[in-house]
Amino acid sequence: MPRLTGQIDLSKTEAILDAASEVLAERGLAAPIQEIARRAGVSKQTIYNRYGSKTELVRALVERRVDSITAPLRTPGAEQRPEETLAAYARTLLQVISTGSYSVMRLSIQSAAEMPDLAREVFESGPKRSRAQLAAFLDLETRAGRLNVDDPLQAAEFFGGMVLGHRQTQALLRLGWDLSEAEIDKLARAAARVFMRAYAA
């Protein structure tokens, strides 16, 4: 059965983003678009037509990662199960930094002095956007009477810091850490439980 145009477009988009993630991790932010296009099986012009610049391509990569991390917040019925939802958010956050897929963030930090606009884009579309989505969820829970959070953005920062701790620094320094899936799950559930107690309605 032939694929529809939308399916082809989505397939190409995923191929480009997957290739960009690989190439940037290997060759840094100076990696040529031509190499990304070659690995994605598309033309260089296709990438420019979709993203316009390397900065926009990097932003799309970061946004895709944030969409993955924050997906539990948008799961149907998530607002009815705040502790379970927070644990799922924490779990995806830990899985992202444990899989070595932190290369764009690492590269942005390394290049921040020479490419401040790119660093700003990565921060705005990455950590800041992720925390804003979590803050919106916490605000929703407070309005529903399931939590008592007077400053949702600050509480979102607290939760992210509690979950990541020094592990984020380890990931950025490529030191690695060997938490199993079971250990990640245990840590995520513990963080959610402590947070719920701290902000109980």
N, C-alpha and C. Protein backbone atom coordinates (compact mmCIF):
# COMPACT_ATOMS: atom_id res chain seq x y z
N MET A 1 0.85 -1.19 0.00
CA MET A 1 0.00 0.00 0.00
C MET A 1 0.89 1.25 0.00
N PRO A 2 0.73 2.15 -0.94
CA PRO A 2 1.58 3.34 -1.01
C PRO A 2 1.35 4.28 0.17
N ARG A 3 2.44 4.95 0.58
CA ARG A 3 2.33 5.90 1.69
C ARG A 3 1.73 7.22 1.21
N LEU A 4 0.99 7.85 2.09
CA LEU A 4 0.43 9.16 1.79
C LEU A 4 1.51 10.21 1.88
N THR A 5 1.27 11.38 1.28
CA THR A 5 2.25 12.46 1.28
C THR A 5 2.68 12.84 2.69
N GLY A 6 1.72 12.94 3.60
CA GLY A 6 2.05 13.30 4.98
C GLY A 6 2.97 12.29 5.64
N GLN A 7 2.75 11.00 5.32
CA GLN A 7 3.60 9.95 5.88
C GLN A 7 5.02 10.06 5.33
N ILE A 8 5.15 10.37 4.06
CA ILE A 8 6.45 10.53 3.44
C ILE A 8 7.18 11.71 4.06
N ASP A 9 6.46 12.83 4.24
CA ASP A 9 7.05 14.02 4.85
C ASP A 9 7.54 13.72 6.26
N LEU A 10 6.73 13.01 7.05
CA LEU A 10 7.11 12.67 8.41
C LEU A 10 8.32 11.76 8.41
N SER A 11 8.34 10.81 7.49
CA SER A 11 9.47 9.89 7.38
C SER A 11 10.75 10.64 7.05
N LYS A 12 10.67 11.60 6.13
CA LYS A 12 11.84 12.40 5.76
C LYS A 12 12.30 13.26 6.92
N THR A 13 11.34 13.85 7.62
CA THR A 13 11.68 14.70 8.77
C THR A 13 12.43 13.90 9.83
N GLU A 14 11.91 12.71 10.14
CA GLU A 14 12.57 11.86 11.14
C GLU A 14 13.95 11.43 10.67
N ALA A 15 14.08 11.12 9.39
CA ALA A 15 15.38 10.72 8.85
C ALA A 15 16.39 11.85 8.95
N ILE A 16 15.95 13.07 8.65
CA ILE A 16 16.84 14.24 8.74
C ILE A 16 17.27 14.47 10.18
N LEU A 17 16.32 14.44 11.10
CA LEU A 17 16.64 14.69 12.50
C LEU A 17 17.53 13.60 13.09
N ASP A 18 17.26 12.35 12.72
CA ASP A 18 18.11 11.25 13.18
C ASP A 18 19.54 11.41 12.65
N ALA A 19 19.64 11.75 11.38
CA ALA A 19 20.97 11.93 10.77
C ALA A 19 21.69 13.11 11.40
N ALA A 20 20.97 14.20 11.63
CA ALA A 20 21.58 15.39 12.23
C ALA A 20 22.10 15.08 13.62
N SER A 21 21.33 14.32 14.39
CA SER A 21 21.75 13.95 15.74
C SER A 21 23.06 13.16 15.71
N GLU A 22 23.15 12.22 14.79
CA GLU A 22 24.35 11.38 14.66
C GLU A 22 25.56 12.20 14.21
N VAL A 23 25.37 12.97 13.15
CA VAL A 23 26.48 13.72 12.56
C VAL A 23 26.99 14.80 13.50
N LEU A 24 26.09 15.51 14.15
CA LEU A 24 26.51 16.55 15.08
C LEU A 24 27.25 15.96 16.27
N ALA A 25 26.80 14.79 16.73
CA ALA A 25 27.49 14.13 17.85
C ALA A 25 28.90 13.73 17.46
N GLU A 26 29.07 13.33 16.20
CA GLU A 26 30.38 12.87 15.73
C GLU A 26 31.31 14.02 15.36
N ARG A 27 30.76 15.05 14.72
CA ARG A 27 31.62 16.07 14.11
C ARG A 27 31.42 17.48 14.67
N GLY A 28 30.51 17.64 15.61
CA GLY A 28 30.31 18.94 16.22
C GLY A 28 29.42 19.84 15.39
N LEU A 29 29.25 21.06 15.87
CA LEU A 29 28.35 22.01 15.22
C LEU A 29 28.86 22.48 13.86
N ALA A 30 30.14 22.24 13.59
CA ALA A 30 30.68 22.61 12.28
C ALA A 30 30.41 21.55 11.22
N ALA A 31 29.72 20.48 11.60
CA ALA A 31 29.42 19.40 10.65
C ALA A 31 28.69 19.95 9.43
N PRO A 32 29.09 19.52 8.22
CA PRO A 32 28.43 20.04 7.01
C PRO A 32 27.02 19.50 6.82
N ILE A 33 26.15 20.35 6.37
CA ILE A 33 24.77 19.95 6.06
C ILE A 33 24.77 18.84 5.01
N GLN A 34 25.74 18.88 4.11
CA GLN A 34 25.83 17.87 3.05
C GLN A 34 25.93 16.46 3.63
N GLU A 35 26.69 16.32 4.72
CA GLU A 35 26.83 15.00 5.34
C GLU A 35 25.54 14.55 6.01
N ILE A 36 24.84 15.50 6.62
CA ILE A 36 23.54 15.18 7.22
C ILE A 36 22.57 14.74 6.13
N ALA A 37 22.57 15.46 5.02
CA ALA A 37 21.69 15.13 3.89
C ALA A 37 22.01 13.73 3.35
N ARG A 38 23.30 13.43 3.21
CA ARG A 38 23.72 12.12 2.68
C ARG A 38 23.19 11.00 3.55
N ARG A 39 23.36 11.14 4.87
CA ARG A 39 22.92 10.08 5.78
C ARG A 39 21.41 9.97 5.84
N ALA A 40 20.73 11.09 5.66
CA ALA A 40 19.26 11.08 5.70
C ALA A 40 18.66 10.59 4.39
N GLY A 41 19.48 10.54 3.34
CA GLY A 41 18.98 10.11 2.04
C GLY A 41 18.14 11.17 1.36
N VAL A 42 18.48 12.44 1.62
CA VAL A 42 17.77 13.55 0.99
C VAL A 42 18.80 14.52 0.42
N SER A 43 18.33 15.51 -0.31
CA SER A 43 19.24 16.51 -0.85
C SER A 43 19.51 17.59 0.20
N LYS A 44 20.63 18.28 0.05
CA LYS A 44 20.95 19.38 0.95
C LYS A 44 19.86 20.45 0.87
N GLN A 45 19.33 20.67 -0.34
CA GLN A 45 18.29 21.68 -0.51
C GLN A 45 17.02 21.33 0.26
N THR A 46 16.73 20.03 0.36
CA THR A 46 15.55 19.60 1.13
C THR A 46 15.68 20.04 2.58
N ILE A 47 16.88 19.90 3.14
CA ILE A 47 17.11 20.32 4.53
C ILE A 47 16.94 21.82 4.66
N TYR A 48 17.53 22.58 3.74
CA TYR A 48 17.40 24.03 3.79
C TYR A 48 15.96 24.48 3.58
N ASN A 49 15.24 23.77 2.71
CA ASN A 49 13.83 24.11 2.48
C ASN A 49 13.00 23.92 3.75
N ARG A 50 13.33 22.91 4.52
CA ARG A 50 12.57 22.61 5.73
C ARG A 50 12.97 23.47 6.91
N TYR A 51 14.28 23.72 7.04
CA TYR A 51 14.77 24.37 8.27
C TYR A 51 15.43 25.74 8.05
N GLY A 52 15.86 26.02 6.86
CA GLY A 52 16.42 27.34 6.57
C GLY A 52 17.85 27.54 7.00
N SER A 53 18.24 26.98 8.14
CA SER A 53 19.61 27.16 8.63
C SER A 53 19.94 26.03 9.60
N LYS A 54 21.21 25.92 9.92
CA LYS A 54 21.63 24.90 10.87
C LYS A 54 21.07 25.19 12.26
N THR A 55 20.98 26.46 12.61
CA THR A 55 20.42 26.83 13.91
C THR A 55 18.99 26.32 14.05
N GLU A 56 18.20 26.48 12.99
CA GLU A 56 16.80 26.00 13.03
C GLU A 56 16.74 24.48 13.07
N LEU A 57 17.70 23.84 12.41
CA LEU A 57 17.75 22.38 12.44
C LEU A 57 18.06 21.90 13.87
N VAL A 58 19.01 22.55 14.52
CA VAL A 58 19.35 22.21 15.90
C VAL A 58 18.14 22.45 16.81
N ARG A 59 17.45 23.56 16.58
CA ARG A 59 16.26 23.84 17.39
C ARG A 59 15.22 22.73 17.21
N ALA A 60 15.03 22.26 16.00
CA ALA A 60 14.08 21.18 15.76
C ALA A 60 14.50 19.90 16.49
N LEU A 61 15.79 19.64 16.53
CA LEU A 61 16.30 18.48 17.26
C LEU A 61 15.96 18.58 18.74
N VAL A 62 16.22 19.75 19.30
CA VAL A 62 15.97 19.97 20.73
C VAL A 62 14.47 19.89 21.03
N GLU A 63 13.66 20.47 20.16
CA GLU A 63 12.21 20.44 20.36
C GLU A 63 11.67 19.00 20.31
N ARG A 64 12.24 18.19 19.42
CA ARG A 64 11.82 16.79 19.35
C ARG A 64 12.14 16.08 20.66
N ARG A 65 13.31 16.36 21.21
CA ARG A 65 13.70 15.75 22.48
C ARG A 65 12.77 16.20 23.60
N VAL A 66 12.45 17.49 23.64
CA VAL A 66 11.55 18.00 24.68
C VAL A 66 10.16 17.39 24.53
N ASP A 67 9.69 17.24 23.30
CA ASP A 67 8.38 16.61 23.08
C ASP A 67 8.36 15.20 23.64
N SER A 68 9.48 14.50 23.52
CA SER A 68 9.58 13.14 24.05
C SER A 68 9.57 13.16 25.58
N ILE A 69 10.33 14.07 26.18
CA ILE A 69 10.41 14.16 27.64
C ILE A 69 9.07 14.54 28.24
N THR A 70 8.38 15.48 27.62
CA THR A 70 7.13 15.99 28.19
C THR A 70 5.88 15.22 27.76
N ALA A 71 6.05 14.20 26.94
CA ALA A 71 4.89 13.42 26.46
C ALA A 71 4.00 12.92 27.59
N PRO A 72 4.55 12.46 28.72
CA PRO A 72 3.66 11.99 29.80
C PRO A 72 2.70 13.06 30.31
N LEU A 73 3.07 14.33 30.20
CA LEU A 73 2.19 15.40 30.67
C LEU A 73 0.96 15.55 29.79
N ARG A 74 1.03 15.03 28.55
CA ARG A 74 -0.08 15.16 27.60
C ARG A 74 -0.85 13.86 27.42
N THR A 75 -0.49 12.83 28.15
CA THR A 75 -1.19 11.56 28.04
C THR A 75 -2.63 11.73 28.53
N PRO A 76 -3.62 11.19 27.81
CA PRO A 76 -5.00 11.33 28.26
C PRO A 76 -5.17 10.85 29.70
N GLY A 77 -5.78 11.68 30.52
CA GLY A 77 -6.00 11.34 31.92
C GLY A 77 -4.82 11.63 32.83
N ALA A 78 -3.74 12.22 32.28
CA ALA A 78 -2.54 12.48 33.09
C ALA A 78 -2.85 13.36 34.29
N GLU A 79 -3.75 14.32 34.09
CA GLU A 79 -4.05 15.26 35.17
C GLU A 79 -4.77 14.59 36.34
N GLN A 80 -5.37 13.43 36.09
CA GLN A 80 -6.07 12.71 37.16
C GLN A 80 -5.11 11.89 38.03
N ARG A 81 -3.88 11.68 37.53
CA ARG A 81 -2.90 10.86 38.24
C ARG A 81 -1.58 11.63 38.35
N PRO A 82 -1.55 12.73 39.10
CA PRO A 82 -0.36 13.59 39.11
C PRO A 82 0.93 12.89 39.54
N GLU A 83 0.87 12.05 40.57
CA GLU A 83 2.10 11.39 41.02
C GLU A 83 2.64 10.44 39.95
N GLU A 84 1.76 9.69 39.35
CA GLU A 84 2.17 8.78 38.27
C GLU A 84 2.71 9.55 37.07
N THR A 85 2.08 10.67 36.76
CA THR A 85 2.51 11.49 35.64
C THR A 85 3.89 12.10 35.89
N LEU A 86 4.10 12.60 37.10
CA LEU A 86 5.40 13.18 37.44
C LEU A 86 6.49 12.11 37.41
N ALA A 87 6.16 10.91 37.85
CA ALA A 87 7.14 9.82 37.81
C ALA A 87 7.50 9.49 36.36
N ALA A 88 6.49 9.50 35.47
CA ALA A 88 6.75 9.21 34.05
C ALA A 88 7.61 10.30 33.42
N TYR A 89 7.34 11.56 33.77
CA TYR A 89 8.15 12.68 33.28
C TYR A 89 9.59 12.51 33.76
N ALA A 90 9.77 12.21 35.05
CA ALA A 90 11.10 12.02 35.61
C ALA A 90 11.83 10.87 34.92
N ARG A 91 11.09 9.81 34.64
CA ARG A 91 11.68 8.64 34.00
C ARG A 91 12.22 8.99 32.61
N THR A 92 11.43 9.71 31.81
CA THR A 92 11.89 10.06 30.47
C THR A 92 13.07 11.02 30.53
N LEU A 93 13.07 11.91 31.51
CA LEU A 93 14.18 12.84 31.68
C LEU A 93 15.47 12.09 31.98
N LEU A 94 15.40 11.13 32.87
CA LEU A 94 16.57 10.32 33.22
C LEU A 94 17.02 9.44 32.06
N GLN A 95 16.07 8.91 31.32
CA GLN A 95 16.43 8.06 30.19
C GLN A 95 17.16 8.85 29.11
N VAL A 96 16.75 10.10 28.90
CA VAL A 96 17.41 10.93 27.89
C VAL A 96 18.88 11.14 28.22
N ILE A 97 19.18 11.49 29.46
CA ILE A 97 20.58 11.76 29.78
C ILE A 97 21.39 10.49 29.99
N SER A 98 20.71 9.35 30.18
CA SER A 98 21.45 8.10 30.37
C SER A 98 21.80 7.42 29.05
N THR A 99 21.17 7.83 27.96
CA THR A 99 21.39 7.16 26.68
C THR A 99 22.46 7.83 25.82
N GLY A 100 23.10 8.87 26.33
CA GLY A 100 24.14 9.54 25.54
C GLY A 100 23.58 10.45 24.48
N SER A 101 22.29 10.76 24.54
CA SER A 101 21.68 11.63 23.53
C SER A 101 21.71 13.09 23.96
N TYR A 102 22.72 13.43 24.72
CA TYR A 102 22.85 14.78 25.24
C TYR A 102 23.84 15.60 24.43
N SER A 103 24.19 15.10 23.25
CA SER A 103 25.28 15.70 22.47
C SER A 103 25.00 17.14 22.05
N VAL A 104 23.77 17.46 21.66
CA VAL A 104 23.46 18.82 21.22
C VAL A 104 23.65 19.81 22.37
N MET A 105 23.18 19.44 23.55
CA MET A 105 23.36 20.31 24.71
C MET A 105 24.85 20.50 25.01
N ARG A 106 25.59 19.42 24.97
CA ARG A 106 27.03 19.49 25.25
C ARG A 106 27.74 20.37 24.24
N LEU A 107 27.42 20.19 22.97
CA LEU A 107 28.04 20.99 21.90
C LEU A 107 27.68 22.46 22.03
N SER A 108 26.45 22.73 22.42
CA SER A 108 26.01 24.13 22.58
C SER A 108 26.76 24.83 23.69
N ILE A 109 27.01 24.10 24.77
CA ILE A 109 27.77 24.67 25.88
C ILE A 109 29.20 24.95 25.45
N GLN A 110 29.79 23.99 24.74
CA GLN A 110 31.17 24.17 24.28
C GLN A 110 31.31 25.34 23.33
N SER A 111 30.29 25.60 22.54
CA SER A 111 30.36 26.63 21.51
C SER A 111 29.66 27.93 21.88
N ALA A 112 29.22 28.06 23.14
CA ALA A 112 28.40 29.20 23.55
C ALA A 112 29.10 30.54 23.32
N ALA A 113 30.40 30.59 23.56
CA ALA A 113 31.12 31.86 23.40
C ALA A 113 31.15 32.29 21.94
N GLU A 114 31.35 31.33 21.03
CA GLU A 114 31.44 31.65 19.60
C GLU A 114 30.07 31.73 18.93
N MET A 115 29.09 31.00 19.49
CA MET A 115 27.76 30.93 18.87
C MET A 115 26.68 31.19 19.93
N PRO A 116 26.65 32.40 20.50
CA PRO A 116 25.68 32.67 21.58
C PRO A 116 24.23 32.57 21.14
N ASP A 117 23.95 32.89 19.87
CA ASP A 117 22.56 32.80 19.39
C ASP A 117 22.07 31.36 19.38
N LEU A 118 22.96 30.46 18.99
CA LEU A 118 22.61 29.04 18.97
C LEU A 118 22.41 28.53 20.40
N ALA A 119 23.29 28.94 21.30
CA ALA A 119 23.16 28.54 22.70
C ALA A 119 21.83 29.00 23.27
N ARG A 120 21.45 30.23 22.94
CA ARG A 120 20.17 30.77 23.41
C ARG A 120 19.00 29.97 22.85
N GLU A 121 19.07 29.62 21.57
CA GLU A 121 18.01 28.83 20.94
C GLU A 121 17.86 27.48 21.63
N VAL A 122 19.00 26.84 21.93
CA VAL A 122 18.97 25.53 22.57
C VAL A 122 18.35 25.63 23.96
N PHE A 123 18.72 26.67 24.69
CA PHE A 123 18.16 26.84 26.03
C PHE A 123 16.65 27.13 25.96
N GLU A 124 16.27 28.05 25.08
CA GLU A 124 14.86 28.45 24.98
C GLU A 124 13.97 27.29 24.54
N SER A 125 14.43 26.55 23.54
CA SER A 125 13.59 25.47 23.01
C SER A 125 13.79 24.16 23.74
N GLY A 126 14.79 24.10 24.64
CA GLY A 126 15.07 22.89 25.38
C GLY A 126 14.66 22.98 26.83
N PRO A 127 15.62 23.21 27.73
CA PRO A 127 15.29 23.23 29.17
C PRO A 127 14.18 24.19 29.55
N LYS A 128 14.19 25.40 29.00
CA LYS A 128 13.17 26.38 29.38
C LYS A 128 11.78 25.93 28.95
N ARG A 129 11.67 25.39 27.74
CA ARG A 129 10.37 24.92 27.23
C ARG A 129 9.87 23.72 28.02
N SER A 130 10.78 22.82 28.34
CA SER A 130 10.41 21.63 29.12
C SER A 130 9.88 22.03 30.49
N ARG A 131 10.58 22.93 31.17
CA ARG A 131 10.15 23.36 32.50
C ARG A 131 8.83 24.14 32.42
N ALA A 132 8.65 24.91 31.36
CA ALA A 132 7.40 25.66 31.21
C ALA A 132 6.21 24.72 31.06
N GLN A 133 6.40 23.63 30.34
CA GLN A 133 5.32 22.66 30.17
C GLN A 133 5.01 21.96 31.48
N LEU A 134 6.07 21.65 32.24
CA LEU A 134 5.84 21.04 33.55
C LEU A 134 5.14 22.04 34.48
N ALA A 135 5.55 23.29 34.44
CA ALA A 135 4.92 24.33 35.27
C ALA A 135 3.44 24.46 34.93
N ALA A 136 3.09 24.39 33.65
CA ALA A 136 1.68 24.48 33.24
C ALA A 136 0.88 23.31 33.80
N PHE A 137 1.50 22.14 33.82
CA PHE A 137 0.84 20.96 34.39
C PHE A 137 0.62 21.14 35.89
N LEU A 138 1.63 21.65 36.59
CA LEU A 138 1.52 21.88 38.04
C LEU A 138 0.45 22.93 38.35
N ASP A 139 0.36 23.93 37.50
CA ASP A 139 -0.67 24.96 37.68
C ASP A 139 -2.06 24.35 37.50
N LEU A 140 -2.19 23.49 36.49
CA LEU A 140 -3.47 22.80 36.26
C LEU A 140 -3.85 21.96 37.47
N GLU A 141 -2.89 21.25 38.03
CA GLU A 141 -3.16 20.40 39.20
C GLU A 141 -3.55 21.25 40.42
N THR A 142 -2.93 22.41 40.55
CA THR A 142 -3.25 23.30 41.67
C THR A 142 -4.68 23.84 41.52
N ARG A 143 -5.05 24.25 40.30
CA ARG A 143 -6.40 24.75 40.06
C ARG A 143 -7.46 23.67 40.30
N ALA A 144 -7.05 22.41 40.07
CA ALA A 144 -7.99 21.30 40.28
C ALA A 144 -8.03 20.87 41.75
N GLY A 145 -7.15 21.45 42.57
CA GLY A 145 -7.15 21.12 44.00
C GLY A 145 -6.37 19.88 44.36
N ARG A 146 -5.62 19.32 43.41
CA ARG A 146 -4.83 18.12 43.71
C ARG A 146 -3.44 18.45 44.23
N LEU A 147 -2.96 19.67 43.98
CA LEU A 147 -1.69 20.15 44.50
C LEU A 147 -1.87 21.56 45.02
N ASN A 148 -0.88 22.02 45.77
CA ASN A 148 -0.91 23.39 46.28
C ASN A 148 0.45 24.04 45.94
N VAL A 149 0.55 24.54 44.71
CA VAL A 149 1.80 25.11 44.21
C VAL A 149 1.59 26.60 43.97
N ASP A 150 2.27 27.44 44.75
CA ASP A 150 2.07 28.89 44.59
C ASP A 150 2.92 29.48 43.47
N ASP A 151 4.03 28.83 43.13
CA ASP A 151 4.89 29.29 42.03
C ASP A 151 5.23 28.08 41.16
N PRO A 152 4.39 27.78 40.15
CA PRO A 152 4.58 26.57 39.34
C PRO A 152 5.94 26.48 38.66
N LEU A 153 6.46 27.61 38.16
CA LEU A 153 7.75 27.55 37.48
C LEU A 153 8.87 27.20 38.45
N GLN A 154 8.85 27.80 39.61
CA GLN A 154 9.86 27.48 40.62
C GLN A 154 9.75 26.01 41.05
N ALA A 155 8.53 25.54 41.24
CA ALA A 155 8.32 24.13 41.63
C ALA A 155 8.80 23.19 40.53
N ALA A 156 8.59 23.59 39.27
CA ALA A 156 9.08 22.77 38.15
C ALA A 156 10.61 22.70 38.17
N GLU A 157 11.26 23.81 38.49
CA GLU A 157 12.71 23.83 38.62
C GLU A 157 13.16 22.91 39.75
N PHE A 158 12.45 22.97 40.88
CA PHE A 158 12.79 22.12 42.02
C PHE A 158 12.70 20.65 41.62
N PHE A 159 11.62 20.31 40.91
CA PHE A 159 11.43 18.90 40.55
C PHE A 159 12.51 18.44 39.58
N GLY A 160 12.80 19.26 38.56
CA GLY A 160 13.85 18.90 37.61
C GLY A 160 15.20 18.73 38.28
N GLY A 161 15.52 19.64 39.21
CA GLY A 161 16.78 19.54 39.93
C GLY A 161 16.85 18.32 40.81
N MET A 162 15.75 17.99 41.45
CA MET A 162 15.70 16.81 42.32
C MET A 162 15.91 15.53 41.51
N VAL A 163 15.33 15.48 40.33
CA VAL A 163 15.45 14.29 39.49
C VAL A 163 16.86 14.15 38.91
N LEU A 164 17.37 15.24 38.36
CA LEU A 164 18.65 15.16 37.67
C LEU A 164 19.86 15.18 38.60
N GLY A 165 19.84 16.07 39.59
CA GLY A 165 20.97 16.15 40.50
C GLY A 165 22.29 16.28 39.75
N HIS A 166 23.29 15.54 40.21
CA HIS A 166 24.61 15.59 39.57
C HIS A 166 24.67 14.75 38.30
N ARG A 167 23.62 14.00 38.02
CA ARG A 167 23.64 13.13 36.85
C ARG A 167 23.72 13.93 35.55
N GLN A 168 23.11 15.11 35.53
CA GLN A 168 23.18 15.96 34.35
C GLN A 168 24.62 16.38 34.08
N THR A 169 25.33 16.74 35.13
CA THR A 169 26.73 17.12 34.97
C THR A 169 27.54 15.93 34.48
N GLN A 170 27.28 14.76 35.01
CA GLN A 170 27.97 13.56 34.54
C GLN A 170 27.75 13.35 33.05
N ALA A 171 26.50 13.53 32.61
CA ALA A 171 26.18 13.33 31.20
C ALA A 171 26.90 14.36 30.33
N LEU A 172 26.92 15.61 30.78
CA LEU A 172 27.58 16.67 30.00
C LEU A 172 29.08 16.45 29.91
N LEU A 173 29.66 15.84 30.96
CA LEU A 173 31.10 15.58 30.98
C LEU A 173 31.45 14.22 30.38
N ARG A 174 30.45 13.52 29.85
CA ARG A 174 30.63 12.20 29.25
C ARG A 174 31.18 11.18 30.24
N LEU A 175 30.87 11.34 31.49
CA LEU A 175 31.36 10.41 32.50
C LEU A 175 30.49 9.16 32.58
N GLY A 176 29.28 9.31 32.13
CA GLY A 176 28.39 8.16 32.11
C GLY A 176 27.95 7.74 33.50
N TRP A 177 26.90 6.98 33.55
CA TRP A 177 26.42 6.42 34.81
C TRP A 177 25.59 5.21 34.46
N ASP A 178 25.57 4.26 35.36
CA ASP A 178 25.02 2.96 35.00
C ASP A 178 23.77 2.57 35.77
N LEU A 179 22.79 3.45 35.78
CA LEU A 179 21.52 3.10 36.39
C LEU A 179 20.75 2.17 35.45
N SER A 180 20.22 1.11 36.00
CA SER A 180 19.38 0.21 35.21
C SER A 180 18.00 0.82 35.05
N GLU A 181 17.19 0.22 34.19
CA GLU A 181 15.82 0.70 34.02
C GLU A 181 15.05 0.63 35.34
N ALA A 182 15.31 -0.43 36.10
CA ALA A 182 14.63 -0.58 37.39
C ALA A 182 15.06 0.52 38.35
N GLU A 183 16.34 0.87 38.34
CA GLU A 183 16.84 1.93 39.22
C GLU A 183 16.31 3.29 38.80
N ILE A 184 16.22 3.51 37.48
CA ILE A 184 15.63 4.76 36.98
C ILE A 184 14.18 4.87 37.43
N ASP A 185 13.46 3.77 37.31
CA ASP A 185 12.05 3.77 37.72
C ASP A 185 11.92 4.05 39.22
N LYS A 186 12.78 3.44 40.02
CA LYS A 186 12.73 3.64 41.47
C LYS A 186 13.02 5.10 41.83
N LEU A 187 14.02 5.68 41.18
CA LEU A 187 14.38 7.07 41.43
C LEU A 187 13.26 8.02 41.00
N ALA A 188 12.68 7.75 39.83
CA ALA A 188 11.59 8.59 39.31
C ALA A 188 10.39 8.56 40.24
N ARG A 189 10.04 7.36 40.71
CA ARG A 189 8.89 7.24 41.61
C ARG A 189 9.15 7.93 42.96
N ALA A 190 10.39 7.81 43.44
CA ALA A 190 10.74 8.44 44.71
C ALA A 190 10.65 9.96 44.60
N ALA A 191 11.16 10.51 43.50
CA ALA A 191 11.12 11.96 43.29
C ALA A 191 9.68 12.45 43.24
N ALA A 192 8.83 11.72 42.52
CA ALA A 192 7.42 12.11 42.41
C ALA A 192 6.73 12.04 43.77
N ARG A 193 7.04 11.01 44.52
CA ARG A 193 6.42 10.84 45.85
C ARG A 193 6.80 11.98 46.80
N VAL A 194 8.11 12.30 46.82
CA VAL A 194 8.59 13.40 47.69
C VAL A 194 7.97 14.72 47.27
N PHE A 195 7.89 14.96 45.94
CA PHE A 195 7.32 16.21 45.44
C PHE A 195 5.86 16.32 45.83
N MET A 196 5.11 15.24 45.68
CA MET A 196 3.68 15.27 46.01
C MET A 196 3.47 15.56 47.50
N ARG A 197 4.33 15.05 48.35
CA ARG A 197 4.21 15.32 49.77
C ARG A 197 4.52 16.79 50.07
N ALA A 198 5.52 17.31 49.39
CA ALA A 198 5.93 18.70 49.62
C ALA A 198 4.85 19.68 49.19
N TYR A 199 4.11 19.32 48.14
CA TYR A 199 3.11 20.25 47.59
C TYR A 199 1.69 19.69 47.73
N ALA A 200 1.48 18.92 48.76
CA ALA A 200 0.14 18.34 48.97
C ALA A 200 -0.90 19.43 49.17
N ALA A 201 -2.06 19.19 48.61
CA ALA A 201 -3.16 20.18 48.73
C ALA A 201 -3.76 20.10 50.12
